[in-house]
């Protein structure tokens, strides 16, 4: 998987959420990860949230697809709704 992210956003994500945007690639390593569309006109592009478990905790990687690459916009601990979606999808 090719990943991309803005270095300024990476710094901001580290400050706010304690992890690099590159950490988002680990969310995709969960074999049961899910992708939730997060499409809002205000964003100006189709965004998605990948939710998966990394080291026993739920994480969400907000991203867009740019050709063959995944561009991470935010990586953070999942909220309760995202955890419910994951649990519901995995049975």
C-alpha atoms as a PDB file:
ATOM      1  CA  UNK A   1       0.000   0.000   0.000  1.00  0.00           C
ATOM      2  CA  UNK A   2       1.334   3.423  -0.931  1.00  0.00           C
ATOM      3  CA  UNK A   3       0.626   6.023   1.732  1.00  0.00           C
ATOM      4  CA  UNK A   4       0.823   9.791   1.628  1.00  0.00           C
ATOM      5  CA  UNK A   5       0.289  12.588   4.131  1.00  0.00           C
ATOM      6  CA  UNK A   6       1.093  16.232   4.620  1.00  0.00           C
ATOM      7  CA  UNK A   7       4.018  16.756   7.017  1.00  0.00           C
ATOM      8  CA  UNK A   8       2.320  19.723   8.709  1.00  0.00           C
ATOM      9  CA  UNK A   9      -0.805  17.620   9.288  1.00  0.00           C
ATOM     10  CA  UNK A  10       1.439  14.853  10.595  1.00  0.00           C
ATOM     11  CA  UNK A  11       2.912  17.213  13.188  1.00  0.00           C
ATOM     12  CA  UNK A  12      -0.575  18.381  14.178  1.00  0.00           C
ATOM     13  CA  UNK A  13      -1.837  14.786  14.424  1.00  0.00           C
ATOM     14  CA  UNK A  14       1.099  13.800  16.658  1.00  0.00           C
ATOM     15  CA  UNK A  15       0.327  16.759  18.915  1.00  0.00           C
ATOM     16  CA  UNK A  16      -3.428  16.149  19.090  1.00  0.00           C
ATOM     17  CA  UNK A  17      -3.669  12.339  18.975  1.00  0.00           C
ATOM     18  CA  UNK A  18      -0.212  11.110  19.955  1.00  0.00           C
ATOM     19  CA  UNK A  19       0.543   9.173  16.775  1.00  0.00           C
ATOM     20  CA  UNK A  20       1.961   9.853  13.332  1.00  0.00           C
ATOM     21  CA  UNK A  21      -0.316   9.722  10.313  1.00  0.00           C
ATOM     22  CA  UNK A  22       1.840   6.816   9.111  1.00  0.00           C
ATOM     23  CA  UNK A  23       0.365   4.823  12.035  1.00  0.00           C
ATOM     24  CA  UNK A  24      -2.798   4.675   9.923  1.00  0.00           C
ATOM     25  CA  UNK A  25      -1.224   1.925   7.815  1.00  0.00           C
ATOM     26  CA  UNK A  26      -1.402  -0.335  10.886  1.00  0.00           C
ATOM     27  CA  UNK A  27      -5.190   0.042  10.951  1.00  0.00           C
ATOM     28  CA  UNK A  28      -5.259  -1.629   7.540  1.00  0.00           C
ATOM     29  CA  UNK A  29      -3.175  -4.521   8.880  1.00  0.00           C
ATOM     30  CA  UNK A  30      -6.136  -5.684  11.010  1.00  0.00           C
ATOM     31  CA  UNK A  31      -7.625  -8.495   8.888  1.00  0.00           C
ATOM     32  CA  UNK A  32     -11.127  -7.447  10.005  1.00  0.00           C
ATOM     33  CA  UNK A  33     -10.787  -3.683   9.449  1.00  0.00           C
ATOM     34  CA  UNK A  34     -13.814  -1.895   8.024  1.00  0.00           C
ATOM     35  CA  UNK A  35     -14.149   1.214   5.872  1.00  0.00           C
ATOM     36  CA  UNK A  36     -16.960   3.668   6.561  1.00  0.00           C
ATOM     37  CA  UNK A  37     -17.779   6.369   3.993  1.00  0.00           C
ATOM     38  CA  UNK A  38     -17.578   9.849   5.502  1.00  0.00           C
ATOM     39  CA  UNK A  39     -18.747  11.859   2.543  1.00  0.00           C
ATOM     40  CA  UNK A  40     -19.793  15.436   3.282  1.00  0.00           C
ATOM     41  CA  UNK A  41     -20.134  18.225   0.716  1.00  0.00           C
ATOM     42  CA  UNK A  42     -18.223  20.599   3.000  1.00  0.00           C
ATOM     43  CA  UNK A  43     -15.075  18.457   2.641  1.00  0.00           C
ATOM     44  CA  UNK A  44     -14.958  18.873  -1.111  1.00  0.00           C
ATOM     45  CA  UNK A  45     -13.830  15.259  -1.629  1.00  0.00           C
ATOM     46  CA  UNK A  46     -14.945  11.753  -0.683  1.00  0.00           C
ATOM     47  CA  UNK A  47     -13.401  10.805   2.658  1.00  0.00           C
ATOM     48  CA  UNK A  48     -13.422   7.448   4.368  1.00  0.00           C
ATOM     49  CA  UNK A  49     -12.744   6.122   7.849  1.00  0.00           C
ATOM     50  CA  UNK A  50     -10.897   2.839   8.256  1.00  0.00           C
ATOM     51  CA  UNK A  51     -11.525   1.311  11.684  1.00  0.00           C
ATOM     52  CA  UNK A  52      -9.366  -1.487  13.010  1.00  0.00           C
ATOM     53  CA  UNK A  53      -7.684  -2.864  16.089  1.00  0.00           C
ATOM     54  CA  UNK A  54      -4.007  -2.160  16.692  1.00  0.00           C
ATOM     55  CA  UNK A  55      -2.359  -3.553  19.808  1.00  0.00           C
ATOM     56  CA  UNK A  56      -5.765  -4.291  21.363  1.00  0.00           C
ATOM     57  CA  UNK A  57      -7.223  -0.792  20.854  1.00  0.00           C
ATOM     58  CA  UNK A  58      -9.594   0.627  18.268  1.00  0.00           C
ATOM     59  CA  UNK A  59      -8.114   3.195  15.889  1.00  0.00           C
ATOM     60  CA  UNK A  60      -9.646   5.215  13.070  1.00  0.00           C
ATOM     61  CA  UNK A  61      -7.708   6.414  10.029  1.00  0.00           C
ATOM     62  CA  UNK A  62      -9.515   9.156   8.102  1.00  0.00           C
ATOM     63  CA  UNK A  63      -8.279   9.057   4.526  1.00  0.00           C
ATOM     64  CA  UNK A  64      -8.885   9.739   0.848  1.00  0.00           C
ATOM     65  CA  UNK A  65      -7.859   7.704  -2.161  1.00  0.00           C
ATOM     66  CA  UNK A  66      -5.456   9.377  -4.568  1.00  0.00           C
ATOM     67  CA  UNK A  67      -4.919   6.999  -7.458  1.00  0.00           C
ATOM     68  CA  UNK A  68      -3.119   3.960  -6.023  1.00  0.00           C
ATOM     69  CA  UNK A  69      -2.221   5.785  -2.797  1.00  0.00           C
ATOM     70  CA  UNK A  70      -4.051   6.268   0.459  1.00  0.00           C
ATOM     71  CA  UNK A  71      -3.631   9.802   1.816  1.00  0.00           C
ATOM     72  CA  UNK A  72      -4.126   9.997   5.573  1.00  0.00           C
ATOM     73  CA  UNK A  73      -5.816  13.102   6.939  1.00  0.00           C
ATOM     74  CA  UNK A  74      -6.197  12.081  10.589  1.00  0.00           C
ATOM     75  CA  UNK A  75      -5.426   9.030  12.725  1.00  0.00           C
ATOM     76  CA  UNK A  76      -6.981   8.796  16.173  1.00  0.00           C
ATOM     77  CA  UNK A  77      -8.577   6.486  18.710  1.00  0.00           C
ATOM     78  CA  UNK A  78     -12.005   5.386  17.527  1.00  0.00           C
ATOM     79  CA  UNK A  79     -15.163   6.786  19.054  1.00  0.00           C
ATOM     80  CA  UNK A  80     -17.972   4.611  20.443  1.00  0.00           C
ATOM     81  CA  UNK A  81     -19.976   4.701  17.211  1.00  0.00           C
ATOM     82  CA  UNK A  82     -17.020   3.590  15.120  1.00  0.00           C
ATOM     83  CA  UNK A  83     -16.366   0.723  17.552  1.00  0.00           C
ATOM     84  CA  UNK A  84     -20.028  -0.341  17.278  1.00  0.00           C
ATOM     85  CA  UNK A  85     -19.790  -0.309  13.478  1.00  0.00           C
ATOM     86  CA  UNK A  86     -16.689  -2.495  13.634  1.00  0.00           C
ATOM     87  CA  UNK A  87     -18.263  -4.954  16.087  1.00  0.00           C
ATOM     88  CA  UNK A  88     -21.463  -5.076  14.009  1.00  0.00           C
ATOM     89  CA  UNK A  89     -19.552  -5.817  10.820  1.00  0.00           C
ATOM     90  CA  UNK A  90     -17.436  -8.550  12.375  1.00  0.00           C
ATOM     91  CA  UNK A  91     -20.424 -10.432  13.703  1.00  0.00           C
END
